Amino acid sequence: MNAPVKTASQLADEARETANDALESTRAYAQNAVNAAGEKVRGLRGQVEPAVEQLANRVQQAVQRGLESASKTSARAQRQIEQAADVTGKYISDQPVRSVLIAAAAGAAIAALLVLATRRRDDY
């Protein structure tokens, strides 16, 4: 029964010390959590960057193939237009009268279509 009686000041000091210990423990825990999260982010970045690089390379290759295909298609169309022009020119030189008659008939047909289209628009 001779237990020492603690004063209010001693109790306050012990409470303050316990609170400081809890605070330091919480800080250490939080710092460890932040460090672990940072490591996880760095690890994920290391995994994601190669995937993004690979995706960018694939997109670039697809664009390059598209450009090459468009270039080939354009060259093919140009050759076909040149062939059609050559055939047309040869036909005109071989059949000049017939060519003029065909051109006149085509011009007349286009003019008739334009007249009909203009009349229909005016009727509304």
PDB file of N, CA and C in Angstrom:
ATOM      1  N   MET A   1       0.791  -1.176   0.000  1.00  0.00           N
ATOM      2  CA  MET A   1       0.000   0.000   0.000  1.00  0.00           C
ATOM      3  C   MET A   1       0.837   1.244   0.000  1.00  0.00           C
ATOM      4  N   ASN A   2       2.051   1.035  -0.069  1.00  0.00           N
ATOM      5  CA  ASN A   2       2.946   2.180  -0.119  1.00  0.00           C
ATOM      6  C   ASN A   2       3.238   2.537  -1.562  1.00  0.00           C
ATOM      7  N   ALA A   3       2.293   2.347  -2.436  1.00  0.00           N
ATOM      8  CA  ALA A   3       2.499   2.666  -3.840  1.00  0.00           C
ATOM      9  C   ALA A   3       2.659   4.157  -3.981  1.00  0.00           C
ATOM     10  N   PRO A   4       3.673   4.506  -4.742  1.00  0.00           N
ATOM     11  CA  PRO A   4       3.887   5.943  -4.892  1.00  0.00           C
ATOM     12  C   PRO A   4       2.693   6.578  -5.611  1.00  0.00           C
ATOM     13  N   VAL A   5       2.317   7.692  -5.175  1.00  0.00           N
ATOM     14  CA  VAL A   5       1.206   8.436  -5.751  1.00  0.00           C
ATOM     15  C   VAL A   5       1.802   9.409  -6.769  1.00  0.00           C
ATOM     16  N   LYS A   6       1.270   9.327  -7.973  1.00  0.00           N
ATOM     17  CA  LYS A   6       1.799  10.201  -9.025  1.00  0.00           C
ATOM     18  C   LYS A   6       1.067  11.519  -8.981  1.00  0.00           C
ATOM     19  N   THR A   7       1.838  12.538  -9.272  1.00  0.00           N
ATOM     20  CA  THR A   7       1.255  13.871  -9.284  1.00  0.00           C
ATOM     21  C   THR A   7       0.637  14.132 -10.656  1.00  0.00           C
ATOM     22  N   ALA A   8      -0.170  15.136 -10.754  1.00  0.00           N
ATOM     23  CA  ALA A   8      -0.808  15.520 -12.010  1.00  0.00           C
ATOM     24  C   ALA A   8       0.236  15.868 -13.043  1.00  0.00           C
ATOM     25  N   SER A   9       1.322  16.467 -12.636  1.00  0.00           N
ATOM     26  CA  SER A   9       2.392  16.849 -13.545  1.00  0.00           C
ATOM     27  C   SER A   9       3.052  15.603 -14.121  1.00  0.00           C
ATOM     28  N   GLN A  10       3.285  14.590 -13.262  1.00  0.00           N
ATOM     29  CA  GLN A  10       3.894  13.357 -13.745  1.00  0.00           C
ATOM     30  C   GLN A  10       2.938  12.637 -14.715  1.00  0.00           C
ATOM     31  N   LEU A  11       1.663  12.597 -14.385  1.00  0.00           N
ATOM     32  CA  LEU A  11       0.682  11.975 -15.272  1.00  0.00           C
ATOM     33  C   LEU A  11       0.625  12.704 -16.619  1.00  0.00           C
ATOM     34  N   ALA A  12       0.681  14.031 -16.589  1.00  0.00           N
ATOM     35  CA  ALA A  12       0.664  14.823 -17.824  1.00  0.00           C
ATOM     36  C   ALA A  12       1.914  14.528 -18.646  1.00  0.00           C
ATOM     37  N   ASP A  13       3.083  14.415 -17.971  1.00  0.00           N
ATOM     38  CA  ASP A  13       4.327  14.109 -18.679  1.00  0.00           C
ATOM     39  C   ASP A  13       4.263  12.729 -19.328  1.00  0.00           C
ATOM     40  N   GLU A  14       3.729  11.741 -18.608  1.00  0.00           N
ATOM     41  CA  GLU A  14       3.601  10.398 -19.164  1.00  0.00           C
ATOM     42  C   GLU A  14       2.627  10.390 -20.342  1.00  0.00           C
ATOM     43  N   ALA A  15       1.539  11.116 -20.235  1.00  0.00           N
ATOM     44  CA  ALA A  15       0.567  11.191 -21.330  1.00  0.00           C
ATOM     45  C   ALA A  15       1.191  11.857 -22.544  1.00  0.00           C
ATOM     46  N   ARG A  16       1.960  12.926 -22.307  1.00  0.00           N
ATOM     47  CA  ARG A  16       2.620  13.618 -23.405  1.00  0.00           C
ATOM     48  C   ARG A  16       3.639  12.689 -24.065  1.00  0.00           C
ATOM     49  N   GLU A  17       4.380  11.939 -23.282  1.00  0.00           N
ATOM     50  CA  GLU A  17       5.378  11.029 -23.816  1.00  0.00           C
ATOM     51  C   GLU A  17       4.705   9.907 -24.620  1.00  0.00           C
ATOM     52  N   THR A  18       3.591   9.391 -24.121  1.00  0.00           N
ATOM     53  CA  THR A  18       2.848   8.354 -24.835  1.00  0.00           C
ATOM     54  C   THR A  18       2.303   8.909 -26.161  1.00  0.00           C
ATOM     55  N   ALA A  19       1.788  10.132 -26.135  1.00  0.00           N
ATOM     56  CA  ALA A  19       1.272  10.766 -27.346  1.00  0.00           C
ATOM     57  C   ALA A  19       2.400  10.984 -28.348  1.00  0.00           C
ATOM     58  N   ASN A  20       3.576  11.412 -27.874  1.00  0.00           N
ATOM     59  CA  ASN A  20       4.724  11.609 -28.760  1.00  0.00           C
ATOM     60  C   ASN A  20       5.156  10.281 -29.384  1.00  0.00           C
ATOM     61  N   ASP A  21       5.165   9.222 -28.580  1.00  0.00           N
ATOM     62  CA  ASP A  21       5.531   7.899 -29.104  1.00  0.00           C
ATOM     63  C   ASP A  21       4.537   7.459 -30.181  1.00  0.00           C
ATOM     64  N   ALA A  22       3.254   7.679 -29.909  1.00  0.00           N
ATOM     65  CA  ALA A  22       2.220   7.311 -30.890  1.00  0.00           C
ATOM     66  C   ALA A  22       2.377   8.130 -32.161  1.00  0.00           C
ATOM     67  N   LEU A  23       2.676   9.418 -32.004  1.00  0.00           N
ATOM     68  CA  LEU A  23       2.867  10.282 -33.158  1.00  0.00           C
ATOM     69  C   LEU A  23       4.061   9.827 -33.987  1.00  0.00           C
ATOM     70  N   GLU A  24       5.167   9.517 -33.335  1.00  0.00           N
ATOM     71  CA  GLU A  24       6.367   9.065 -34.050  1.00  0.00           C
ATOM     72  C   GLU A  24       6.100   7.727 -34.743  1.00  0.00           C
ATOM     73  N   SER A  25       5.367   6.850 -34.073  1.00  0.00           N
ATOM     74  CA  SER A  25       5.030   5.557 -34.660  1.00  0.00           C
ATOM     75  C   SER A  25       4.157   5.755 -35.897  1.00  0.00           C
ATOM     76  N   THR A  26       3.194   6.670 -35.814  1.00  0.00           N
ATOM     77  CA  THR A  26       2.310   6.956 -36.949  1.00  0.00           C
ATOM     78  C   THR A  26       3.095   7.568 -38.100  1.00  0.00           C
ATOM     79  N   ARG A  27       4.002   8.483 -37.770  1.00  0.00           N
ATOM     80  CA  ARG A  27       4.849   9.093 -38.815  1.00  0.00           C
ATOM     81  C   ARG A  27       5.689   8.026 -39.522  1.00  0.00           C
ATOM     82  N   ALA A  28       6.289   7.136 -38.747  1.00  0.00           N
ATOM     83  CA  ALA A  28       7.128   6.085 -39.328  1.00  0.00           C
ATOM     84  C   ALA A  28       6.283   5.173 -40.222  1.00  0.00           C
ATOM     85  N   TYR A  29       5.085   4.831 -39.757  1.00  0.00           N
ATOM     86  CA  TYR A  29       4.194   3.981 -40.543  1.00  0.00           C
ATOM     87  C   TYR A  29       3.804   4.674 -41.846  1.00  0.00           C
ATOM     88  N   ALA A  30       3.453   5.960 -41.740  1.00  0.00           N
ATOM     89  CA  ALA A  30       3.065   6.722 -42.925  1.00  0.00           C
ATOM     90  C   ALA A  30       4.238   6.833 -43.894  1.00  0.00           C
ATOM     91  N   GLN A  31       5.434   7.073 -43.375  1.00  0.00           N
ATOM     92  CA  GLN A  31       6.617   7.185 -44.237  1.00  0.00           C
ATOM     93  C   GLN A  31       6.884   5.868 -44.950  1.00  0.00           C
ATOM     94  N   ASN A  32       6.734   4.748 -44.228  1.00  0.00           N
ATOM     95  CA  ASN A  32       6.928   3.436 -44.851  1.00  0.00           C
ATOM     96  C   ASN A  32       5.889   3.196 -45.941  1.00  0.00           C
ATOM     97  N   ALA A  33       4.637   3.611 -45.686  1.00  0.00           N
ATOM     98  CA  ALA A  33       3.577   3.447 -46.685  1.00  0.00           C
ATOM     99  C   ALA A  33       3.873   4.287 -47.926  1.00  0.00           C
ATOM    100  N   VAL A  34       4.333   5.533 -47.725  1.00  0.00           N
ATOM    101  CA  VAL A  34       4.678   6.406 -48.851  1.00  0.00           C
ATOM    102  C   VAL A  34       5.846   5.811 -49.644  1.00  0.00           C
ATOM    103  N   ASN A  35       6.839   5.312 -48.937  1.00  0.00           N
ATOM    104  CA  ASN A  35       7.992   4.709 -49.620  1.00  0.00           C
ATOM    105  C   ASN A  35       7.568   3.479 -50.434  1.00  0.00           C
ATOM    106  N   ALA A  36       6.705   2.654 -49.852  1.00  0.00           N
ATOM    107  CA  ALA A  36       6.239   1.459 -50.554  1.00  0.00           C
ATOM    108  C   ALA A  36       5.424   1.851 -51.793  1.00  0.00           C
ATOM    109  N   ALA A  37       4.583   2.857 -51.648  1.00  0.00           N
ATOM    110  CA  ALA A  37       3.788   3.318 -52.782  1.00  0.00           C
ATOM    111  C   ALA A  37       4.691   3.867 -53.879  1.00  0.00           C
ATOM    112  N   GLY A  38       5.711   4.620 -53.486  1.00  0.00           N
ATOM    113  CA  GLY A  38       6.660   5.159 -54.469  1.00  0.00           C
ATOM    114  C   GLY A  38       7.381   4.057 -55.221  1.00  0.00           C
ATOM    115  N   GLU A  39       7.781   3.024 -54.503  1.00  0.00           N
ATOM    116  CA  GLU A  39       8.433   1.887 -55.157  1.00  0.00           C
ATOM    117  C   GLU A  39       7.483   1.200 -56.130  1.00  0.00           C
ATOM    118  N   LYS A  40       6.225   1.057 -55.716  1.00  0.00           N
ATOM    119  CA  LYS A  40       5.226   0.423 -56.577  1.00  0.00           C
ATOM    120  C   LYS A  40       5.025   1.244 -57.856  1.00  0.00           C
ATOM    121  N   VAL A  41       4.931   2.573 -57.697  1.00  0.00           N
ATOM    122  CA  VAL A  41       4.756   3.463 -58.853  1.00  0.00           C
ATOM    123  C   VAL A  41       5.961   3.368 -59.783  1.00  0.00           C
ATOM    124  N   ARG A  42       7.159   3.365 -59.215  1.00  0.00           N
ATOM    125  CA  ARG A  42       8.364   3.249 -60.050  1.00  0.00           C
ATOM    126  C   ARG A  42       8.375   1.911 -60.788  1.00  0.00           C
ATOM    127  N   GLY A  43       7.935   0.855 -60.106  1.00  0.00           N
ATOM    128  CA  GLY A  43       7.866  -0.458 -60.746  1.00  0.00           C
ATOM    129  C   GLY A  43       6.853  -0.477 -61.877  1.00  0.00           C
ATOM    130  N   LEU A  44       5.691   0.125 -61.633  1.00  0.00           N
ATOM    131  CA  LEU A  44       4.665   0.179 -62.674  1.00  0.00           C
ATOM    132  C   LEU A  44       5.129   1.014 -63.863  1.00  0.00           C
ATOM    133  N   ARG A  45       5.790   2.117 -63.573  1.00  0.00           N
ATOM    134  CA  ARG A  45       6.294   2.966 -64.659  1.00  0.00           C
ATOM    135  C   ARG A  45       7.282   2.190 -65.512  1.00  0.00           C
ATOM    136  N   GLY A  46       8.125   1.392 -64.849  1.00  0.00           N
ATOM    137  CA  GLY A  46       9.086   0.574 -65.578  1.00  0.00           C
ATOM    138  C   GLY A  46       8.400  -0.445 -66.474  1.00  0.00           C
ATOM    139  N   GLN A  47       7.218  -0.917 -66.053  1.00  0.00           N
ATOM    140  CA  GLN A  47       6.478  -1.877 -66.869  1.00  0.00           C
ATOM    141  C   GLN A  47       5.693  -1.180 -67.976  1.00  0.00           C
ATOM    142  N   VAL A  48       5.158   0.000 -67.701  1.00  0.00           N
ATOM    143  CA  VAL A  48       4.293   0.699 -68.645  1.00  0.00           C
ATOM    144  C   VAL A  48       5.096   1.356 -69.766  1.00  0.00           C
ATOM    145  N   GLU A  49       6.230   1.937 -69.450  1.00  0.00           N
ATOM    146  CA  GLU A  49       7.000   2.660 -70.469  1.00  0.00           C
ATOM    147  C   GLU A  49       7.372   1.782 -71.663  1.00  0.00           C
ATOM    148  N   PRO A  50       7.848   0.547 -71.459  1.00  0.00           N
ATOM    149  CA  PRO A  50       8.138  -0.284 -72.643  1.00  0.00           C
ATOM    150  C   PRO A  50       6.879  -0.598 -73.453  1.00  0.00           C
ATOM    151  N   ALA A  51       5.749  -0.801 -72.769  1.00  0.00           N
ATOM    152  CA  ALA A  51       4.506  -1.092 -73.486  1.00  0.00           C
ATOM    153  C   ALA A  51       4.077   0.110 -74.325  1.00  0.00           C
ATOM    154  N   VAL A  52       4.207   1.303 -73.768  1.00  0.00           N
ATOM    155  CA  VAL A  52       3.852   2.521 -74.508  1.00  0.00           C
ATOM    156  C   VAL A  52       4.796   2.697 -75.695  1.00  0.00           C
ATOM    157  N   GLU A  53       6.054   2.438 -75.471  1.00  0.00           N
ATOM    158  CA  GLU A  53       7.041   2.545 -76.560  1.00  0.00           C
ATOM    159  C   GLU A  53       6.719   1.549 -77.669  1.00  0.00           C
ATOM    160  N   GLN A  54       6.368   0.331 -77.283  1.00  0.00           N
ATOM    161  CA  GLN A  54       6.024  -0.692 -78.261  1.00  0.00           C
ATOM    162  C   GLN A  54       4.764  -0.307 -79.036  1.00  0.00           C
ATOM    163  N   LEU A  55       3.780   0.225 -78.332  1.00  0.00           N
ATOM    164  CA  LEU A  55       2.549   0.663 -78.993  1.00  0.00           C
ATOM    165  C   LEU A  55       2.837   1.798 -79.974  1.00  0.00           C
ATOM    166  N   ALA A  56       3.669   2.749 -79.571  1.00  0.00           N
ATOM    167  CA  ALA A  56       4.029   3.864 -80.457  1.00  0.00           C
ATOM    168  C   ALA A  56       4.739   3.342 -81.707  1.00  0.00           C
ATOM    169  N   ASN A  57       5.606   2.353 -81.544  1.00  0.00           N
ATOM    170  CA  ASN A  57       6.294   1.773 -82.707  1.00  0.00           C
ATOM    171  C   ASN A  57       5.309   1.085 -83.647  1.00  0.00           C
ATOM    172  N   ARG A  58       4.335   0.366 -83.068  1.00  0.00           N
ATOM    173  CA  ARG A  58       3.335  -0.302 -83.903  1.00  0.00           C
ATOM    174  C   ARG A  58       2.494   0.710 -84.679  1.00  0.00           C
ATOM    175  N   VAL A  59       2.107   1.780 -84.010  1.00  0.00           N
ATOM    176  CA  VAL A  59       1.315   2.819 -84.682  1.00  0.00           C
ATOM    177  C   VAL A  59       2.133   3.439 -85.816  1.00  0.00           C
ATOM    178  N   GLN A  60       3.394   3.709 -85.542  1.00  0.00           N
ATOM    179  CA  GLN A  60       4.251   4.307 -86.568  1.00  0.00           C
ATOM    180  C   GLN A  60       4.399   3.362 -87.762  1.00  0.00           C
ATOM    181  N   GLN A  61       4.546   2.070 -87.502  1.00  0.00           N
ATOM    182  CA  GLN A  61       4.651   1.099 -88.595  1.00  0.00           C
ATOM    183  C   GLN A  61       3.353   1.037 -89.399  1.00  0.00           C
ATOM    184  N   ALA A  62       2.215   1.076 -88.703  1.00  0.00           N
ATOM    185  CA  ALA A  62       0.923   1.039 -89.397  1.00  0.00           C
ATOM    186  C   ALA A  62       0.745   2.274 -90.273  1.00  0.00           C
ATOM    187  N   VAL A  63       1.135   3.427 -89.758  1.00  0.00           N
ATOM    188  CA  VAL A  63       1.044   4.663 -90.545  1.00  0.00           C
ATOM    189  C   VAL A  63       1.954   4.568 -91.768  1.00  0.00           C
ATOM    190  N   GLN A  64       3.154   4.040 -91.569  1.00  0.00           N
ATOM    191  CA  GLN A  64       4.091   3.910 -92.684  1.00  0.00           C
ATOM    192  C   GLN A  64       3.532   2.976 -93.759  1.00  0.00           C
ATOM    193  N   ARG A  65       2.935   1.839 -93.320  1.00  0.00           N
ATOM    194  CA  ARG A  65       2.333   0.924 -94.294  1.00  0.00           C
ATOM    195  C   ARG A  65       1.175   1.597 -95.028  1.00  0.00           C
ATOM    196  N   GLY A  66       0.374   2.389 -94.306  1.00  0.00           N
ATOM    197  CA  GLY A  66      -0.731   3.108 -94.936  1.00  0.00           C
ATOM    198  C   GLY A  66      -0.242   4.093 -95.971  1.00  0.00           C
ATOM    199  N   LEU A  67       0.817   4.816 -95.647  1.00  0.00           N
ATOM    200  CA  LEU A  67       1.380   5.776 -96.603  1.00  0.00           C
ATOM    201  C   LEU A  67       1.923   5.062 -97.839  1.00  0.00           C
ATOM    202  N   GLU A  68       2.598   3.942 -97.622  1.00  0.00           N
ATOM    203  CA  GLU A  68       3.137   3.186 -98.757  1.00  0.00           C
ATOM    204  C   GLU A  68       2.002   2.665 -99.635  1.00  0.00           C
ATOM    205  N   SER A  69       0.947   2.170 -99.005  1.00  0.00           N
ATOM    206  CA  SER A  69      -0.204   1.665 -99.763  1.00  0.00           C
ATOM    207  C   SER A  69      -0.862   2.782-100.552  1.00  0.00           C
ATOM    208  N   ALA A  70      -1.031   3.942 -99.932  1.00  0.00           N
ATOM    209  CA  ALA A  70      -1.634   5.077-100.629  1.00  0.00           C
ATOM    210  C   ALA A  70      -0.764   5.510-101.806  1.00  0.00           C
ATOM    211  N   SER A  71       0.535   5.476-101.619  1.00  0.00           N
ATOM    212  CA  SER A  71       1.456   5.854-102.694  1.00  0.00           C
ATOM    213  C   SER A  71       1.352   4.875-103.861  1.00  0.00           C
ATOM    214  N   LYS A  72       1.280   3.571-103.544  1.00  0.00           N
ATOM    215  CA  LYS A  72       1.155   2.565-104.604  1.00  0.00           C
ATOM    216  C   LYS A  72      -0.173   2.721-105.337  1.00  0.00           C
ATOM    217  N   THR A  73      -1.246   2.948-104.582  1.00  0.00           N
ATOM    218  CA  THR A  73      -2.567   3.118-105.192  1.00  0.00           C
ATOM    219  C   THR A  73      -2.581   4.344-106.082  1.00  0.00           C
ATOM    220  N   SER A  74      -1.970   5.422-105.622  1.00  0.00           N
ATOM    221  CA  SER A  74      -1.906   6.649-106.418  1.00  0.00           C
ATOM    222  C   SER A  74      -1.119   6.418-107.707  1.00  0.00           C
ATOM    223  N   ALA A  75      -0.005   5.709-107.617  1.00  0.00           N
ATOM    224  CA  ALA A  75       0.800   5.436-108.808  1.00  0.00           C
ATOM    225  C   ALA A  75       0.024   4.557-109.783  1.00  0.00           C
ATOM    226  N   ARG A  76      -0.709   3.559-109.247  1.00  0.00           N
ATOM    227  CA  ARG A  76      -1.512   2.673-110.101  1.00  0.00           C
ATOM    228  C   ARG A  76      -2.612   3.473-110.807  1.00  0.00           C
ATOM    229  N   ALA A  77      -3.290   4.361-110.061  1.00  0.00           N
ATOM    230  CA  ALA A  77      -4.348   5.186-110.653  1.00  0.00           C
ATOM    231  C   ALA A  77      -3.766   6.101-111.729  1.00  0.00           C
ATOM    232  N   GLN A  78      -2.601   6.652-111.469  1.00  0.00           N
ATOM    233  CA  GLN A  78      -1.951   7.530-112.450  1.00  0.00           C
ATOM    234  C   GLN A  78      -1.643   6.765-113.733  1.00  0.00           C
ATOM    235  N   ARG A  79      -1.149   5.534-113.600  1.00  0.00           N
ATOM    236  CA  ARG A  79      -0.862   4.714-114.794  1.00  0.00           C
ATOM    237  C   ARG A  79      -2.146   4.413-115.572  1.00  0.00           C
ATOM    238  N   GLN A  80      -3.228   4.096-114.851  1.00  0.00           N
ATOM    239  CA  GLN A  80      -4.497   3.793-115.521  1.00  0.00           C
ATOM    240  C   GLN A  80      -5.048   5.025-116.236  1.00  0.00           C
ATOM    241  N   ILE A  81      -4.914   6.194-115.616  1.00  0.00           N
ATOM    242  CA  ILE A  81      -5.365   7.435-116.264  1.00  0.00           C
ATOM    243  C   ILE A  81      -4.547   7.701-117.525  1.00  0.00           C
ATOM    244  N   GLU A  82      -3.233   7.481-117.434  1.00  0.00           N
ATOM    245  CA  GLU A  82      -2.379   7.678-118.597  1.00  0.00           C
ATOM    246  C   GLU A  82      -2.735   6.706-119.715  1.00  0.00           C
ATOM    247  N   GLN A  83      -3.030   5.448-119.352  1.00  0.00           N
ATOM    248  CA  GLN A  83      -3.427   4.460-120.364  1.00  0.00           C
ATOM    249  C   GLN A  83      -4.750   4.852-121.013  1.00  0.00           C
ATOM    250  N   ALA A  84      -5.702   5.302-120.198  1.00  0.00           N
ATOM    251  CA  ALA A  84      -6.995   5.726-120.748  1.00  0.00           C
ATOM    252  C   ALA A  84      -6.804   6.922-121.675  1.00  0.00           C
ATOM    253  N   ALA A  85      -5.944   7.848-121.285  1.00  0.00           N
ATOM    254  CA  ALA A  85      -5.683   9.013-122.139  1.00  0.00           C
ATOM    255  C   ALA A  85      -5.034   8.581-123.450  1.00  0.00           C
ATOM    256  N   ASP A  86      -4.107   7.634-123.358  1.00  0.00           N
ATOM    257  CA  ASP A  86      -3.459   7.134-124.584  1.00  0.00           C
ATOM    258  C   ASP A  86      -4.473   6.456-125.506  1.00  0.00           C
ATOM    259  N   VAL A  87      -5.338   5.613-124.928  1.00  0.00           N
ATOM    260  CA  VAL A  87      -6.342   4.911-125.731  1.00  0.00           C
ATOM    261  C   VAL A  87      -7.304   5.916-126.348  1.00  0.00           C
ATOM    262  N   THR A  88      -7.730   6.911-125.553  1.00  0.00           N
ATOM    263  CA  THR A  88      -8.639   7.932-126.062  1.00  0.00           C
ATOM    264  C   THR A  88      -7.982   8.736-127.182  1.00  0.00           C
ATOM    265  N   GLY A  89      -6.748   9.129-126.952  1.00  0.00           N
ATOM    266  CA  GLY A  89      -6.022   9.882-127.990  1.00  0.00           C
ATOM    267  C   GLY A  89      -5.862   9.086-129.260  1.00  0.00           C
ATOM    268  N   LYS A  90      -5.568   7.792-129.131  1.00  0.00           N
ATOM    269  CA  LYS A  90      -5.431   6.943-130.309  1.00  0.00           C
ATOM    270  C   LYS A  90      -6.768   6.817-131.032  1.00  0.00           C
ATOM    271  N   TYR A  91      -7.861   6.650-130.261  1.00  0.00           N
ATOM    272  CA  TYR A  91      -9.190   6.532-130.873  1.00  0.00           C
ATOM    273  C   TYR A  91      -9.539   7.814-131.624  1.00  0.00           C
ATOM    274  N   ILE A  92      -9.245   8.949-131.005  1.00  0.00           N
ATOM    275  CA  ILE A  92      -9.550  10.241-131.646  1.00  0.00           C
ATOM    276  C   ILE A  92      -8.747  10.398-132.929  1.00  0.00           C
ATOM    277  N   SER A  93      -7.478  10.002-132.908  1.00  0.00           N
ATOM    278  CA  SER A  93      -6.669  10.158-134.130  1.00  0.00           C
ATOM    279  C   SER A  93      -7.100   9.155-135.195  1.00  0.00           C
ATOM    280  N   ASP A  94      -7.563   7.970-134.773  1.00  0.00           N
ATOM    281  CA  ASP A  94      -8.020   6.974-135.743  1.00  0.00           C
ATOM    282  C   ASP A  94      -9.423   7.298-136.273  1.00  0.00           C
ATOM    283  N   GLN A  95     -10.292   7.855-135.444  1.00  0.00           N
ATOM    284  CA  GLN A  95     -11.698   8.108-135.793  1.00  0.00           C
ATOM    285  C   GLN A  95     -12.066   9.563-135.460  1.00  0.00           C
ATOM    286  N   PRO A  96     -11.513  10.568-136.153  1.00  0.00           N
ATOM    287  CA  PRO A  96     -11.766  11.955-135.773  1.00  0.00           C
ATOM    288  C   PRO A  96     -13.226  12.370-135.932  1.00  0.00           C
ATOM    289  N   VAL A  97     -13.893  11.965-136.990  1.00  0.00           N
ATOM    290  CA  VAL A  97     -15.285  12.380-137.210  1.00  0.00           C
ATOM    291  C   VAL A  97     -16.181  11.737-136.159  1.00  0.00           C
ATOM    292  N   ARG A  98     -16.028  10.462-135.958  1.00  0.00           N
ATOM    293  CA  ARG A  98     -16.826   9.751-134.963  1.00  0.00           C
ATOM    294  C   ARG A  98     -16.591  10.349-133.568  1.00  0.00           C
ATOM    295  N   SER A  99     -15.353  10.709-133.244  1.00  0.00           N
ATOM    296  CA  SER A  99     -15.021  11.291-131.948  1.00  0.00           C
ATOM    297  C   SER A  99     -15.732  12.620-131.746  1.00  0.00           C
ATOM    298  N   VAL A 100     -15.765  13.444-132.783  1.00  0.00           N
ATOM    299  CA  VAL A 100     -16.447  14.743-132.693  1.00  0.00           C
ATOM    300  C   VAL A 100     -17.941  14.527-132.497  1.00  0.00           C
ATOM    301  N   LEU A 101     -18.520  13.574-133.201  1.00  0.00           N
ATOM    302  CA  LEU A 101     -19.945  13.291-133.053  1.00  0.00           C
ATOM    303  C   LEU A 101     -20.269  12.775-131.641  1.00  0.00           C
ATOM    304  N   ILE A 102     -19.436  11.907-131.123  1.00  0.00           N
ATOM    305  CA  ILE A 102     -19.636  11.397-129.760  1.00  0.00           C
ATOM    306  C   ILE A 102     -19.527  12.530-128.747  1.00  0.00           C
ATOM    307  N   ALA A 103     -18.532  13.400-128.924  1.00  0.00           N
ATOM    308  CA  ALA A 103     -18.361  14.534-128.007  1.00  0.00           C
ATOM    309  C   ALA A 103     -19.553  15.476-128.078  1.00  0.00           C
ATOM    310  N   ALA A 104     -20.057  15.718-129.286  1.00  0.00           N
ATOM    311  CA  ALA A 104     -21.219  16.604-129.449  1.00  0.00           C
ATOM    312  C   ALA A 104     -22.449  15.985-128.798  1.00  0.00           C
ATOM    313  N   ALA A 105     -22.638  14.683-128.965  1.00  0.00           N
ATOM    314  CA  ALA A 105     -23.787  14.004-128.351  1.00  0.00           C
ATOM    315  C   ALA A 105     -23.678  14.046-126.828  1.00  0.00           C
ATOM    316  N   ALA A 106     -22.497  13.833-126.318  1.00  0.00           N
ATOM    317  CA  ALA A 106     -22.305  13.884-124.866  1.00  0.00           C
ATOM    318  C   ALA A 106     -22.571  15.288-124.344  1.00  0.00           C
ATOM    319  N   GLY A 107     -22.084  16.297-125.040  1.00  0.00           N
ATOM    320  CA  GLY A 107     -22.322  17.688-124.640  1.00  0.00           C
ATOM    321  C   GLY A 107     -23.802  18.024-124.667  1.00  0.00           C
ATOM    322  N   ALA A 108     -24.509  17.546-125.682  1.00  0.00           N
ATOM    323  CA  ALA A 108     -25.945  17.805-125.785  1.00  0.00           C
ATOM    324  C   ALA A 108     -26.692  17.118-124.638  1.00  0.00           C
ATOM    325  N   ALA A 109     -26.306  15.908-124.310  1.00  0.00           N
ATOM    326  CA  ALA A 109     -26.955  15.181-123.214  1.00  0.00           C
ATOM    327  C   ALA A 109     -26.731  15.904-121.884  1.00  0.00           C
ATOM    328  N   ILE A 110     -25.538  16.379-121.668  1.00  0.00           N
ATOM    329  CA  ILE A 110     -25.234  17.110-120.421  1.00  0.00           C
ATOM    330  C   ILE A 110     -26.029  18.409-120.374  1.00  0.00           C
ATOM    331  N   ALA A 111     -26.088  19.117-121.500  1.00  0.00           N
ATOM    332  CA  ALA A 111     -26.856  20.365-121.547  1.00  0.00           C
ATOM    333  C   ALA A 111     -28.331  20.099-121.268  1.00  0.00           C
ATOM    334  N   ALA A 112     -28.890  19.009-121.847  1.00  0.00           N
ATOM    335  CA  ALA A 112     -30.302  18.674-121.614  1.00  0.00           C
ATOM    336  C   ALA A 112     -30.538  18.366-120.136  1.00  0.00           C
ATOM    337  N   LEU A 113     -29.648  17.649-119.517  1.00  0.00           N
ATOM    338  CA  LEU A 113     -29.778  17.346-118.083  1.00  0.00           C
ATOM    339  C   LEU A 113     -29.740  18.616-117.241  1.00  0.00           C
ATOM    340  N   LEU A 114     -28.879  19.533-117.604  1.00  0.00           N
ATOM    341  CA  LEU A 114     -28.794  20.799-116.861  1.00  0.00           C
ATOM    342  C   LEU A 114     -30.074  21.604-117.013  1.00  0.00           C
ATOM    343  N   VAL A 115     -30.618  21.637-118.222  1.00  0.00           N
ATOM    344  CA  VAL A 115     -31.867  22.376-118.460  1.00  0.00           C
ATOM    345  C   VAL A 115     -32.994  21.762-117.644  1.00  0.00           C
ATOM    346  N   LEU A 116     -33.094  20.434-117.651  1.00  0.00           N
ATOM    347  CA  LEU A 116     -34.136  19.748-116.871  1.00  0.00           C
ATOM    348  C   LEU A 116     -33.968  20.014-115.374  1.00  0.00           C
ATOM    349  N   ALA A 117     -32.761  19.953-114.905  1.00  0.00           N
ATOM    350  CA  ALA A 117     -32.510  20.183-113.480  1.00  0.00           C
ATOM    351  C   ALA A 117     -32.858  21.612-113.096  1.00  0.00           C
ATOM    352  N   THR A 118     -32.549  22.569-113.962  1.00  0.00           N
ATOM    353  CA  THR A 118     -32.854  23.976-113.686  1.00  0.00           C
ATOM    354  C   THR A 118     -34.352  24.210-113.673  1.00  0.00           C
ATOM    355  N   ARG A 119     -35.075  23.614-114.600  1.00  0.00           N
ATOM    356  CA  ARG A 119     -36.533  23.763-114.650  1.00  0.00           C
ATOM    357  C   ARG A 119     -37.183  23.181-113.409  1.00  0.00           C
ATOM    358  N   ARG A 120     -36.743  22.018-112.973  1.00  0.00           N
ATOM    359  CA  ARG A 120     -37.325  21.382-111.780  1.00  0.00           C
ATOM    360  C   ARG A 120     -37.096  22.234-110.547  1.00  0.00           C
ATOM    361  N   ARG A 121     -35.949  22.828-110.440  1.00  0.00           N
ATOM    362  CA  ARG A 121     -35.643  23.679-109.300  1.00  0.00           C
ATOM    363  C   ARG A 121     -36.493  24.934-109.317  1.00  0.00           C
ATOM    364  N   ASP A 122     -36.706  25.491-110.501  1.00  0.00           N
ATOM    365  CA  ASP A 122     -37.528  26.689-110.643  1.00  0.00           C
ATOM    366  C   ASP A 122     -38.995  26.392-110.348  1.00  0.00           C
ATOM    367  N   ASP A 123     -39.467  25.156-110.613  1.00  0.00           N
ATOM    368  CA  ASP A 123     -40.857  24.785-110.382  1.00  0.00           C
ATOM    369  C   ASP A 123     -41.186  24.721-108.892  1.00  0.00           C
ATOM    370  N   TYR A 124     -40.220  24.501-108.043  1.00  0.00           N
ATOM    371  CA  TYR A 124     -40.484  24.383-106.597  1.00  0.00           C
ATOM    372  C   TYR A 124     -40.496  25.724-106.000  1.00  0.00           C
TER     373      TYR A 124
END
